[in-house]
Structure formats: structure tokens, C-alpha cells
């Protein structure tokens, strides 16, 4: 997984040191931005900001506050590097919700482990579902916003399970969690089989998932996910239910109703340049196209191929 890190440095002094400290670790992508162009860096919603206070003409305090006041970067961690050793100044910087203050000149080992440890905490605390280990809604929204602002073309897969409530009613929530984890593994496997560098898989919550993939590969990914899901989901049912092909569930009137075995539905939105102005519009179309997929019996997918005006 790539880690995008923006270094705010007007004199280009720090980025070479950073790249040298992480030499050979290609997943760490350091990008430089001048302080006066902070807005451009904010639009990319990186995983980490590093500010070289010694090289910027704008107050480091002001830069930190601009990052913290930006809705999409309000929880993006910040490291400030500075040769100012006065305690009062360090406290002023840290009071802006800055994670670390490192005195210059930097020690490359200290810098290396500070950056690594911050990103490790992000991955364990902010970005993952405790059940599946997948990024949650904060990172899902950030990922979509970043791609829209960069005018990328991509496909968004909205996935959820059919008749999942009936499964929970019969087998209980612990068994339901096992199907959700199985679903996450299946999605990850087939998204990453096609492209690992620029793909993304997130867990919206419950039995809802999202994947961002190359639009040209979206249909084959849907087909592969469905094929494996249908082949293996019966392992989570009793032999009797799997053989019968449906569940029997008593409703509120104690009348037995029949529900098909759990299946998966996928709605695919092809995002072309200029078609969508924000992620809410993508989500609305995604809900519509997934609803179409869910009207089809069994596991299925539907693709919205409408072009931009």
C-alpha cells in the first residue's frame, strides 16, 4: 500500500533527505509543495504532512492551522521540523494538534522511525474496520475526493449482501460476522489480482463494501467476485440449508417464510472526467444501480455506463 507524504518546503532542502532515509522502500511517496501552494497539497489529502519550518516564509503556526481547519485534512497528522529550540515555540506548535516536533538538523534514523510509527498508528486506529481490517468511511471519502480533484477516470463498485438479515436471524451475529469477513477477503483477492497499486477496497459498514478500480477491468472483477462468492458461501450454511437452497425464517406472526441463500449484489459506476462534481453524486448513482442489481435473483452486477454531458 502506498503512503503519500507531502513535505512543505520552499527551498527543496528536506525532500532529498527524506527519500534517502526511506531508500529502497518504494511504498513511501514523498512529494514537495511550497507553503504558498498548500491548497494544492490539501486537495490530495495525503496521509501525512511534514513542514520544514526553517525553509518557509509563512508562519508554521498558520500552516498547521490551515491544515487542521480543512475538513478533509482535519485528522491528517503533521510533523514540524525546526531549528528553533525554545520550549514556548514548541508548545505553541504542538498546541495546534501537531503530532511531532523534531529539532533540526534531522537525525535520519529518528526521522525514519517517527514517520513509520505515525503511519502505523493511522492504519491501526483511523482507517480500518475492526472486523475486516479494511479502511472505513473517513478514508473512503478521502480516496474518492482525491481522485475527483485529480480528474481521474475510474470505476466505483458498491457491494452488499442479499438476504443477510435472514442469515443473521437463523445463524446469529457471530456467524454473520464470518460471512462479512469472507466477503471482504473475496473482494480484496479479486481487486488486487487485477491491479494492486491504484486500487482501493473499503468497508462502509455492516455488509456494505466499496472498491475503486480501473473502469476497463470493473466487469471482469465483478464476475470473478461473484464466481468465488457463490462457490464458497455455502460453506457457511448447514448441509441441509445448502442442499435445500433456501432458509426458513419465522416472521412476527410466527408464519414460516422462505428466503434464498445469501448472495452478493454489485452496482458499478463508471466515473469519467467532468461527469460528477462531488462524491455525493457518485453515491446517489451507486445506490440506484445497486438497486437494479438487487432486483435480479441471486448474485448479480449492474453497470451504469452513462456518459457525461
C-alpha atoms as a PDB file:
ATOM      1  CA  UNK A   1       0.000   0.000   0.000  1.00  0.00           C
ATOM      2  CA  UNK A   2       1.342   3.405  -0.975  1.00  0.00           C
ATOM      3  CA  UNK A   3       1.829   6.162   1.607  1.00  0.00           C
ATOM      4  CA  UNK A   4       1.619   9.674   0.128  1.00  0.00           C
ATOM      5  CA  UNK A   5       3.505  12.228   2.229  1.00  0.00           C
ATOM      6  CA  UNK A   6       3.665  15.940   1.430  1.00  0.00           C
ATOM      7  CA  UNK A   7       6.694  17.953   2.534  1.00  0.00           C
ATOM      8  CA  UNK A   8       6.065  21.698   2.810  1.00  0.00           C
ATOM      9  CA  UNK A   9       9.487  23.123   1.974  1.00  0.00           C
ATOM     10  CA  UNK A  10      10.157  26.276  -0.068  1.00  0.00           C
ATOM     11  CA  UNK A  11      13.860  25.569  -0.559  1.00  0.00           C
ATOM     12  CA  UNK A  12      13.740  21.869  -1.514  1.00  0.00           C
ATOM     13  CA  UNK A  13      16.185  21.003   1.285  1.00  0.00           C
ATOM     14  CA  UNK A  14      14.308  18.244   3.051  1.00  0.00           C
ATOM     15  CA  UNK A  15      12.855  16.013   0.365  1.00  0.00           C
ATOM     16  CA  UNK A  16      16.197  14.501  -0.646  1.00  0.00           C
ATOM     17  CA  UNK A  17      16.957  13.671   2.998  1.00  0.00           C
ATOM     18  CA  UNK A  18      13.542  12.060   3.328  1.00  0.00           C
ATOM     19  CA  UNK A  19      13.995   9.970   0.198  1.00  0.00           C
ATOM     20  CA  UNK A  20      17.445   8.924   1.385  1.00  0.00           C
ATOM     21  CA  UNK A  21      16.064   7.858   4.778  1.00  0.00           C
ATOM     22  CA  UNK A  22      13.467   5.680   3.016  1.00  0.00           C
ATOM     23  CA  UNK A  23      15.739   4.486   0.247  1.00  0.00           C
ATOM     24  CA  UNK A  24      14.527   1.169  -1.184  1.00  0.00           C
ATOM     25  CA  UNK A  25      11.020   1.465   0.334  1.00  0.00           C
ATOM     26  CA  UNK A  26       9.002   2.355  -2.746  1.00  0.00           C
ATOM     27  CA  UNK A  27       5.641   2.439  -0.951  1.00  0.00           C
ATOM     28  CA  UNK A  28       6.630   5.741   0.704  1.00  0.00           C
ATOM     29  CA  UNK A  29       5.964   8.548  -1.790  1.00  0.00           C
ATOM     30  CA  UNK A  30       7.379  11.927  -0.769  1.00  0.00           C
ATOM     31  CA  UNK A  31       6.085  14.978  -2.641  1.00  0.00           C
ATOM     32  CA  UNK A  32       7.188  18.582  -2.201  1.00  0.00           C
ATOM     33  CA  UNK A  33       4.916  21.608  -2.088  1.00  0.00           C
ATOM     34  CA  UNK A  34       5.720  25.246  -1.437  1.00  0.00           C
ATOM     35  CA  UNK A  35       3.991  26.864   1.514  1.00  0.00           C
ATOM     36  CA  UNK A  36       2.141  29.293  -0.754  1.00  0.00           C
ATOM     37  CA  UNK A  37       0.681  26.319  -2.635  1.00  0.00           C
ATOM     38  CA  UNK A  38      -0.613  24.477   0.425  1.00  0.00           C
ATOM     39  CA  UNK A  39      -4.141  24.437  -1.047  1.00  0.00           C
ATOM     40  CA  UNK A  40      -2.961  22.148  -3.837  1.00  0.00           C
ATOM     41  CA  UNK A  41      -1.428  19.737  -1.321  1.00  0.00           C
ATOM     42  CA  UNK A  42      -4.609  19.768   0.777  1.00  0.00           C
ATOM     43  CA  UNK A  43      -6.661  18.650  -2.222  1.00  0.00           C
ATOM     44  CA  UNK A  44      -4.558  15.488  -2.439  1.00  0.00           C
ATOM     45  CA  UNK A  45      -5.478  14.540   1.150  1.00  0.00           C
ATOM     46  CA  UNK A  46      -2.135  12.859   1.925  1.00  0.00           C
ATOM     47  CA  UNK A  47      -1.515  10.506   4.821  1.00  0.00           C
ATOM     48  CA  UNK A  48       0.992  12.854   6.426  1.00  0.00           C
ATOM     49  CA  UNK A  49       2.222  16.462   6.252  1.00  0.00           C
ATOM     50  CA  UNK A  50       5.808  17.386   7.123  1.00  0.00           C
ATOM     51  CA  UNK A  51       6.611  21.097   7.477  1.00  0.00           C
ATOM     52  CA  UNK A  52      10.194  22.338   7.287  1.00  0.00           C
ATOM     53  CA  UNK A  53       9.779  25.495   9.356  1.00  0.00           C
ATOM     54  CA  UNK A  54      13.304  26.688   8.590  1.00  0.00           C
ATOM     55  CA  UNK A  55      12.583  26.992   4.860  1.00  0.00           C
ATOM     56  CA  UNK A  56       9.083  28.503   4.680  1.00  0.00           C
ATOM     57  CA  UNK A  57       8.190  32.195   4.553  1.00  0.00           C
ATOM     58  CA  UNK A  58       4.731  31.642   6.030  1.00  0.00           C
ATOM     59  CA  UNK A  59       4.326  31.046   9.761  1.00  0.00           C
ATOM     60  CA  UNK A  60       4.405  27.339  10.630  1.00  0.00           C
ATOM     61  CA  UNK A  61       1.585  28.014  13.096  1.00  0.00           C
ATOM     62  CA  UNK A  62      -0.562  29.402  10.272  1.00  0.00           C
ATOM     63  CA  UNK A  63       0.232  26.435   8.048  1.00  0.00           C
ATOM     64  CA  UNK A  64      -0.719  23.980  10.794  1.00  0.00           C
ATOM     65  CA  UNK A  65      -3.991  25.786  11.447  1.00  0.00           C
ATOM     66  CA  UNK A  66      -4.872  25.778   7.745  1.00  0.00           C
ATOM     67  CA  UNK A  67      -4.352  22.019   7.638  1.00  0.00           C
ATOM     68  CA  UNK A  68      -6.378  21.463  10.811  1.00  0.00           C
ATOM     69  CA  UNK A  69      -9.215  23.715   9.611  1.00  0.00           C
ATOM     70  CA  UNK A  70      -9.506  21.899   6.288  1.00  0.00           C
ATOM     71  CA  UNK A  71     -12.414  19.459   6.542  1.00  0.00           C
ATOM     72  CA  UNK A  72     -10.725  16.682   4.587  1.00  0.00           C
ATOM     73  CA  UNK A  73      -7.404  17.003   6.452  1.00  0.00           C
ATOM     74  CA  UNK A  74      -8.650  17.718   9.963  1.00  0.00           C
ATOM     75  CA  UNK A  75      -7.172  14.431  11.197  1.00  0.00           C
ATOM     76  CA  UNK A  76      -4.157  14.233   8.875  1.00  0.00           C
ATOM     77  CA  UNK A  77      -1.064  14.016  11.121  1.00  0.00           C
ATOM     78  CA  UNK A  78       1.588  16.747  10.983  1.00  0.00           C
ATOM     79  CA  UNK A  79       5.303  16.730  11.776  1.00  0.00           C
ATOM     80  CA  UNK A  80       7.103  20.068  12.141  1.00  0.00           C
ATOM     81  CA  UNK A  81      10.866  20.190  11.735  1.00  0.00           C
ATOM     82  CA  UNK A  82      12.583  23.295  13.097  1.00  0.00           C
ATOM     83  CA  UNK A  83      15.888  24.607  14.430  1.00  0.00           C
ATOM     84  CA  UNK A  84      14.006  26.723  16.979  1.00  0.00           C
ATOM     85  CA  UNK A  85      14.672  25.035  20.307  1.00  0.00           C
ATOM     86  CA  UNK A  86      12.707  27.363  22.626  1.00  0.00           C
ATOM     87  CA  UNK A  87      10.169  25.452  24.708  1.00  0.00           C
ATOM     88  CA  UNK A  88       7.476  28.132  24.267  1.00  0.00           C
ATOM     89  CA  UNK A  89       7.681  27.818  20.495  1.00  0.00           C
ATOM     90  CA  UNK A  90       7.489  24.015  20.615  1.00  0.00           C
ATOM     91  CA  UNK A  91       4.423  24.213  22.848  1.00  0.00           C
ATOM     92  CA  UNK A  92       2.750  26.718  20.515  1.00  0.00           C
ATOM     93  CA  UNK A  93       3.296  24.353  17.578  1.00  0.00           C
ATOM     94  CA  UNK A  94       2.140  21.267  19.461  1.00  0.00           C
ATOM     95  CA  UNK A  95      -0.973  23.110  20.660  1.00  0.00           C
ATOM     96  CA  UNK A  96      -2.164  23.179  17.040  1.00  0.00           C
ATOM     97  CA  UNK A  97      -2.707  19.407  17.291  1.00  0.00           C
ATOM     98  CA  UNK A  98       0.654  18.705  15.682  1.00  0.00           C
ATOM     99  CA  UNK A  99       1.779  15.141  16.366  1.00  0.00           C
ATOM    100  CA  UNK A 100       5.570  15.613  16.485  1.00  0.00           C
ATOM    101  CA  UNK A 101       8.113  18.433  16.702  1.00  0.00           C
ATOM    102  CA  UNK A 102      11.606  17.412  15.591  1.00  0.00           C
ATOM    103  CA  UNK A 103      14.645  19.625  16.092  1.00  0.00           C
ATOM    104  CA  UNK A 104      16.838  20.332  13.101  1.00  0.00           C
ATOM    105  CA  UNK A 105      19.222  19.215  11.794  1.00  0.00           C
ATOM    106  CA  UNK A 106      17.376  15.943  11.498  1.00  0.00           C
ATOM    107  CA  UNK A 107      18.709  12.616  12.583  1.00  0.00           C
ATOM    108  CA  UNK A 108      17.745  10.293   9.723  1.00  0.00           C
ATOM    109  CA  UNK A 109      17.057   7.332  11.999  1.00  0.00           C
ATOM    110  CA  UNK A 110      14.796   9.399  14.264  1.00  0.00           C
ATOM    111  CA  UNK A 111      13.029  10.836  11.219  1.00  0.00           C
ATOM    112  CA  UNK A 112      12.587   7.388   9.652  1.00  0.00           C
ATOM    113  CA  UNK A 113      11.007   5.756  12.693  1.00  0.00           C
ATOM    114  CA  UNK A 114       8.861   8.766  13.564  1.00  0.00           C
ATOM    115  CA  UNK A 115       7.279   8.748  10.099  1.00  0.00           C
ATOM    116  CA  UNK A 116       6.855   4.970  10.074  1.00  0.00           C
ATOM    117  CA  UNK A 117       5.302   4.857  13.533  1.00  0.00           C
ATOM    118  CA  UNK A 118       2.829   7.639  12.779  1.00  0.00           C
ATOM    119  CA  UNK A 119       1.644   5.856   9.642  1.00  0.00           C
ATOM    120  CA  UNK A 120       1.365   2.580  11.539  1.00  0.00           C
ATOM    121  CA  UNK A 121      -0.916   4.241  14.093  1.00  0.00           C
ATOM    122  CA  UNK A 122      -3.023   5.703  11.305  1.00  0.00           C
ATOM    123  CA  UNK A 123      -3.519   2.277   9.793  1.00  0.00           C
ATOM    124  CA  UNK A 124      -4.484   0.669  13.073  1.00  0.00           C
ATOM    125  CA  UNK A 125      -6.608   3.418  14.590  1.00  0.00           C
ATOM    126  CA  UNK A 126      -8.144   5.661  11.973  1.00  0.00           C
ATOM    127  CA  UNK A 127      -8.537   3.818   8.767  1.00  0.00           C
ATOM    128  CA  UNK A 128      -9.632   0.290   9.438  1.00  0.00           C
ATOM    129  CA  UNK A 129     -12.784  -1.593  10.272  1.00  0.00           C
ATOM    130  CA  UNK A 130     -12.145  -3.676  13.400  1.00  0.00           C
ATOM    131  CA  UNK A 131     -13.980  -6.604  11.798  1.00  0.00           C
ATOM    132  CA  UNK A 132     -12.405  -6.733   8.335  1.00  0.00           C
ATOM    133  CA  UNK A 133      -9.260  -4.620   8.687  1.00  0.00           C
ATOM    134  CA  UNK A 134     -10.386  -2.535   5.690  1.00  0.00           C
ATOM    135  CA  UNK A 135     -10.405   1.283   5.528  1.00  0.00           C
ATOM    136  CA  UNK A 136     -13.590   2.873   6.859  1.00  0.00           C
ATOM    137  CA  UNK A 137     -15.662   5.857   5.804  1.00  0.00           C
ATOM    138  CA  UNK A 138     -13.089   8.556   6.591  1.00  0.00           C
ATOM    139  CA  UNK A 139     -10.608   7.099   4.139  1.00  0.00           C
ATOM    140  CA  UNK A 140     -13.293   6.056   1.639  1.00  0.00           C
ATOM    141  CA  UNK A 141     -14.464   9.647   1.339  1.00  0.00           C
ATOM    142  CA  UNK A 142     -10.895  10.953   1.168  1.00  0.00           C
ATOM    143  CA  UNK A 143      -9.984   8.468  -1.578  1.00  0.00           C
ATOM    144  CA  UNK A 144     -12.993   9.421  -3.709  1.00  0.00           C
ATOM    145  CA  UNK A 145     -12.425  13.159  -3.211  1.00  0.00           C
ATOM    146  CA  UNK A 146      -8.754  12.847  -4.124  1.00  0.00           C
ATOM    147  CA  UNK A 147      -9.497  11.038  -7.373  1.00  0.00           C
ATOM    148  CA  UNK A 148     -12.204  13.506  -8.321  1.00  0.00           C
ATOM    149  CA  UNK A 149      -9.972  16.513  -7.631  1.00  0.00           C
ATOM    150  CA  UNK A 150      -7.188  14.926  -9.701  1.00  0.00           C
ATOM    151  CA  UNK A 151      -9.672  14.375 -12.564  1.00  0.00           C
ATOM    152  CA  UNK A 152      -9.006  10.656 -12.703  1.00  0.00           C
ATOM    153  CA  UNK A 153     -11.197   8.180 -14.569  1.00  0.00           C
ATOM    154  CA  UNK A 154     -12.160   5.106 -12.542  1.00  0.00           C
ATOM    155  CA  UNK A 155     -14.978   2.757 -11.580  1.00  0.00           C
ATOM    156  CA  UNK A 156     -16.636   2.511  -8.166  1.00  0.00           C
ATOM    157  CA  UNK A 157     -18.093  -0.839  -7.098  1.00  0.00           C
ATOM    158  CA  UNK A 158     -20.798  -0.758  -4.437  1.00  0.00           C
ATOM    159  CA  UNK A 159     -21.253  -4.241  -2.980  1.00  0.00           C
ATOM    160  CA  UNK A 160     -23.610  -5.682  -0.404  1.00  0.00           C
ATOM    161  CA  UNK A 161     -25.180  -8.985   0.601  1.00  0.00           C
ATOM    162  CA  UNK A 162     -28.715 -10.135  -0.213  1.00  0.00           C
ATOM    163  CA  UNK A 163     -30.875 -11.809   2.451  1.00  0.00           C
ATOM    164  CA  UNK A 164     -28.201 -11.158   5.050  1.00  0.00           C
ATOM    165  CA  UNK A 165     -30.710 -10.280   7.779  1.00  0.00           C
ATOM    166  CA  UNK A 166     -32.347 -13.671   7.308  1.00  0.00           C
ATOM    167  CA  UNK A 167     -28.962 -15.336   7.698  1.00  0.00           C
ATOM    168  CA  UNK A 168     -28.357 -13.478  10.978  1.00  0.00           C
ATOM    169  CA  UNK A 169     -31.828 -14.395  12.215  1.00  0.00           C
ATOM    170  CA  UNK A 170     -31.117 -18.097  11.688  1.00  0.00           C
ATOM    171  CA  UNK A 171     -27.388 -18.402  12.423  1.00  0.00           C
ATOM    172  CA  UNK A 172     -26.689 -15.441  14.739  1.00  0.00           C
ATOM    173  CA  UNK A 173     -24.436 -12.410  14.507  1.00  0.00           C
ATOM    174  CA  UNK A 174     -21.162 -14.240  15.126  1.00  0.00           C
ATOM    175  CA  UNK A 175     -21.756 -16.435  12.076  1.00  0.00           C
ATOM    176  CA  UNK A 176     -22.855 -13.320  10.209  1.00  0.00           C
ATOM    177  CA  UNK A 177     -19.505 -11.715  11.004  1.00  0.00           C
ATOM    178  CA  UNK A 178     -17.774 -14.714   9.438  1.00  0.00           C
ATOM    179  CA  UNK A 179     -19.641 -14.188   6.157  1.00  0.00           C
ATOM    180  CA  UNK A 180     -18.723 -10.496   6.203  1.00  0.00           C
ATOM    181  CA  UNK A 181     -15.037 -11.371   6.669  1.00  0.00           C
ATOM    182  CA  UNK A 182     -15.285 -13.950   3.877  1.00  0.00           C
ATOM    183  CA  UNK A 183     -16.825 -11.294   1.628  1.00  0.00           C
ATOM    184  CA  UNK A 184     -14.002  -8.854   2.410  1.00  0.00           C
ATOM    185  CA  UNK A 185     -11.357 -11.478   1.575  1.00  0.00           C
ATOM    186  CA  UNK A 186     -13.085 -12.324  -1.694  1.00  0.00           C
ATOM    187  CA  UNK A 187     -13.326  -8.696  -2.805  1.00  0.00           C
ATOM    188  CA  UNK A 188      -9.705  -7.973  -1.881  1.00  0.00           C
ATOM    189  CA  UNK A 189      -8.443 -11.069  -3.664  1.00  0.00           C
ATOM    190  CA  UNK A 190     -10.013 -10.250  -6.999  1.00  0.00           C
ATOM    191  CA  UNK A 191      -9.471  -6.488  -6.927  1.00  0.00           C
ATOM    192  CA  UNK A 192      -5.785  -6.983  -6.174  1.00  0.00           C
ATOM    193  CA  UNK A 193      -5.464  -9.789  -8.719  1.00  0.00           C
ATOM    194  CA  UNK A 194      -6.089  -7.180 -11.423  1.00  0.00           C
ATOM    195  CA  UNK A 195      -4.288  -4.151 -10.015  1.00  0.00           C
ATOM    196  CA  UNK A 196      -2.772  -3.547  -6.629  1.00  0.00           C
ATOM    197  CA  UNK A 197      -1.111  -0.136  -6.950  1.00  0.00           C
ATOM    198  CA  UNK A 198      -4.052   2.109  -7.800  1.00  0.00           C
ATOM    199  CA  UNK A 199      -6.939   0.049  -6.436  1.00  0.00           C
ATOM    200  CA  UNK A 200      -8.825   0.575  -3.189  1.00  0.00           C
ATOM    201  CA  UNK A 201     -11.189  -1.552  -1.112  1.00  0.00           C
ATOM    202  CA  UNK A 202     -13.165  -0.152   1.823  1.00  0.00           C
ATOM    203  CA  UNK A 203     -15.745  -1.357   4.343  1.00  0.00           C
ATOM    204  CA  UNK A 204     -18.638   1.101   4.572  1.00  0.00           C
ATOM    205  CA  UNK A 205     -20.169  -0.848   7.443  1.00  0.00           C
ATOM    206  CA  UNK A 206     -22.251  -3.945   8.078  1.00  0.00           C
ATOM    207  CA  UNK A 207     -22.475  -5.905   4.832  1.00  0.00           C
ATOM    208  CA  UNK A 208     -21.709  -2.883   2.603  1.00  0.00           C
ATOM    209  CA  UNK A 209     -18.376  -2.589   0.807  1.00  0.00           C
ATOM    210  CA  UNK A 210     -16.817  -0.339  -1.815  1.00  0.00           C
ATOM    211  CA  UNK A 211     -13.999  -0.827  -4.308  1.00  0.00           C
ATOM    212  CA  UNK A 212     -12.308   1.668  -6.634  1.00  0.00           C
ATOM    213  CA  UNK A 213     -10.747   0.078  -9.723  1.00  0.00           C
ATOM    214  CA  UNK A 214      -9.747   0.667 -13.322  1.00  0.00           C
ATOM    215  CA  UNK A 215     -13.001   1.113 -15.253  1.00  0.00           C
ATOM    216  CA  UNK A 216     -11.785  -1.199 -18.025  1.00  0.00           C
ATOM    217  CA  UNK A 217     -11.371  -4.050 -15.531  1.00  0.00           C
ATOM    218  CA  UNK A 218     -14.516  -3.464 -13.489  1.00  0.00           C
ATOM    219  CA  UNK A 219     -16.744  -6.006 -15.229  1.00  0.00           C
ATOM    220  CA  UNK A 220     -14.260  -8.865 -15.043  1.00  0.00           C
ATOM    221  CA  UNK A 221     -13.634  -8.076 -11.359  1.00  0.00           C
ATOM    222  CA  UNK A 222     -17.395  -8.286 -10.684  1.00  0.00           C
ATOM    223  CA  UNK A 223     -17.597 -11.626 -12.478  1.00  0.00           C
ATOM    224  CA  UNK A 224     -14.659 -13.062 -10.525  1.00  0.00           C
ATOM    225  CA  UNK A 225     -16.010 -11.870  -7.156  1.00  0.00           C
ATOM    226  CA  UNK A 226     -19.429 -13.386  -7.854  1.00  0.00           C
ATOM    227  CA  UNK A 227     -17.973 -16.675  -9.082  1.00  0.00           C
ATOM    228  CA  UNK A 228     -15.907 -17.225  -5.942  1.00  0.00           C
ATOM    229  CA  UNK A 229     -18.588 -15.922  -3.588  1.00  0.00           C
ATOM    230  CA  UNK A 230     -21.236 -18.289  -4.945  1.00  0.00           C
ATOM    231  CA  UNK A 231     -18.813 -21.230  -4.973  1.00  0.00           C
ATOM    232  CA  UNK A 232     -17.810 -20.835  -1.317  1.00  0.00           C
ATOM    233  CA  UNK A 233     -20.665 -19.128   0.530  1.00  0.00           C
ATOM    234  CA  UNK A 234     -22.466 -22.466   1.030  1.00  0.00           C
ATOM    235  CA  UNK A 235     -19.678 -23.400   3.474  1.00  0.00           C
ATOM    236  CA  UNK A 236     -21.334 -21.004   5.934  1.00  0.00           C
ATOM    237  CA  UNK A 237     -24.665 -22.893   5.851  1.00  0.00           C
ATOM    238  CA  UNK A 238     -25.658 -26.276   7.213  1.00  0.00           C
ATOM    239  CA  UNK A 239     -25.686 -29.094   4.708  1.00  0.00           C
ATOM    240  CA  UNK A 240     -29.478 -29.174   4.882  1.00  0.00           C
ATOM    241  CA  UNK A 241     -29.903 -25.467   4.123  1.00  0.00           C
ATOM    242  CA  UNK A 242     -27.281 -25.552   1.366  1.00  0.00           C
ATOM    243  CA  UNK A 243     -28.898 -28.565  -0.275  1.00  0.00           C
ATOM    244  CA  UNK A 244     -32.388 -27.070   0.013  1.00  0.00           C
ATOM    245  CA  UNK A 245     -31.216 -23.723  -1.384  1.00  0.00           C
ATOM    246  CA  UNK A 246     -33.183 -21.502   0.999  1.00  0.00           C
ATOM    247  CA  UNK A 247     -33.701 -20.594   4.660  1.00  0.00           C
ATOM    248  CA  UNK A 248     -36.881 -20.949   6.644  1.00  0.00           C
ATOM    249  CA  UNK A 249     -37.500 -17.990   8.972  1.00  0.00           C
ATOM    250  CA  UNK A 250     -40.499 -17.321  11.205  1.00  0.00           C
ATOM    251  CA  UNK A 251     -41.921 -13.820  10.807  1.00  0.00           C
ATOM    252  CA  UNK A 252     -43.567 -11.718  13.549  1.00  0.00           C
ATOM    253  CA  UNK A 253     -46.799 -13.658  13.147  1.00  0.00           C
ATOM    254  CA  UNK A 254     -44.860 -16.895  13.562  1.00  0.00           C
ATOM    255  CA  UNK A 255     -45.514 -17.815   9.941  1.00  0.00           C
ATOM    256  CA  UNK A 256     -42.593 -19.595   8.257  1.00  0.00           C
ATOM    257  CA  UNK A 257     -41.185 -17.707   5.267  1.00  0.00           C
ATOM    258  CA  UNK A 258     -38.594 -18.892   2.778  1.00  0.00           C
ATOM    259  CA  UNK A 259     -35.551 -16.792   1.838  1.00  0.00           C
ATOM    260  CA  UNK A 260     -32.864 -17.615  -0.744  1.00  0.00           C
ATOM    261  CA  UNK A 261     -29.323 -18.260   0.436  1.00  0.00           C
ATOM    262  CA  UNK A 262     -27.097 -15.225   0.868  1.00  0.00           C
ATOM    263  CA  UNK A 263     -25.861 -13.770  -2.401  1.00  0.00           C
ATOM    264  CA  UNK A 264     -23.924 -10.639  -3.401  1.00  0.00           C
ATOM    265  CA  UNK A 265     -25.076  -7.670  -5.488  1.00  0.00           C
ATOM    266  CA  UNK A 266     -22.732  -5.167  -7.108  1.00  0.00           C
ATOM    267  CA  UNK A 267     -23.578  -1.775  -8.569  1.00  0.00           C
ATOM    268  CA  UNK A 268     -20.842  -0.244 -10.727  1.00  0.00           C
ATOM    269  CA  UNK A 269     -20.497   3.466 -11.502  1.00  0.00           C
ATOM    270  CA  UNK A 270     -18.118   4.485 -14.289  1.00  0.00           C
ATOM    271  CA  UNK A 271     -16.646   7.843 -13.266  1.00  0.00           C
ATOM    272  CA  UNK A 272     -15.495   9.879 -16.227  1.00  0.00           C
ATOM    273  CA  UNK A 273     -13.865  13.299 -16.112  1.00  0.00           C
ATOM    274  CA  UNK A 274     -16.411  16.082 -15.503  1.00  0.00           C
ATOM    275  CA  UNK A 275     -19.347  13.701 -15.030  1.00  0.00           C
ATOM    276  CA  UNK A 276     -19.531  14.154 -11.240  1.00  0.00           C
ATOM    277  CA  UNK A 277     -18.841  17.282  -9.225  1.00  0.00           C
ATOM    278  CA  UNK A 278     -18.746  15.602  -5.802  1.00  0.00           C
ATOM    279  CA  UNK A 279     -18.801  12.204  -4.133  1.00  0.00           C
ATOM    280  CA  UNK A 280     -22.458  12.517  -3.104  1.00  0.00           C
ATOM    281  CA  UNK A 281     -23.450  12.393  -6.764  1.00  0.00           C
ATOM    282  CA  UNK A 282     -21.406   9.221  -7.246  1.00  0.00           C
ATOM    283  CA  UNK A 283     -23.064   7.672  -4.189  1.00  0.00           C
ATOM    284  CA  UNK A 284     -26.563   8.511  -5.455  1.00  0.00           C
ATOM    285  CA  UNK A 285     -25.930   6.833  -8.797  1.00  0.00           C
ATOM    286  CA  UNK A 286     -24.280   3.923  -6.999  1.00  0.00           C
ATOM    287  CA  UNK A 287     -27.382   3.385  -4.862  1.00  0.00           C
ATOM    288  CA  UNK A 288     -29.590   3.429  -7.957  1.00  0.00           C
ATOM    289  CA  UNK A 289     -27.517   0.969  -9.950  1.00  0.00           C
ATOM    290  CA  UNK A 290     -27.037  -1.374  -6.982  1.00  0.00           C
ATOM    291  CA  UNK A 291     -30.812  -1.401  -6.504  1.00  0.00           C
ATOM    292  CA  UNK A 292     -31.124  -2.624 -10.096  1.00  0.00           C
ATOM    293  CA  UNK A 293     -28.620  -5.406  -9.386  1.00  0.00           C
ATOM    294  CA  UNK A 294     -30.580  -6.431  -6.276  1.00  0.00           C
ATOM    295  CA  UNK A 295     -33.781  -6.897  -8.289  1.00  0.00           C
ATOM    296  CA  UNK A 296     -32.089  -9.826 -10.042  1.00  0.00           C
ATOM    297  CA  UNK A 297     -32.374 -13.173  -8.258  1.00  0.00           C
ATOM    298  CA  UNK A 298     -29.062 -14.451  -6.905  1.00  0.00           C
ATOM    299  CA  UNK A 299     -25.647 -12.837  -7.160  1.00  0.00           C
ATOM    300  CA  UNK A 300     -25.509 -10.210  -9.889  1.00  0.00           C
ATOM    301  CA  UNK A 301     -23.978  -6.947 -11.015  1.00  0.00           C
ATOM    302  CA  UNK A 302     -25.202  -3.934 -12.957  1.00  0.00           C
ATOM    303  CA  UNK A 303     -23.069  -1.229 -14.564  1.00  0.00           C
ATOM    304  CA  UNK A 304     -24.014   2.411 -15.071  1.00  0.00           C
ATOM    305  CA  UNK A 305     -22.351   3.418 -18.340  1.00  0.00           C
ATOM    306  CA  UNK A 306     -23.980   6.805 -18.832  1.00  0.00           C
ATOM    307  CA  UNK A 307     -21.656   9.381 -20.298  1.00  0.00           C
ATOM    308  CA  UNK A 308     -21.016  12.879 -19.012  1.00  0.00           C
ATOM    309  CA  UNK A 309     -22.997  15.655 -20.677  1.00  0.00           C
END
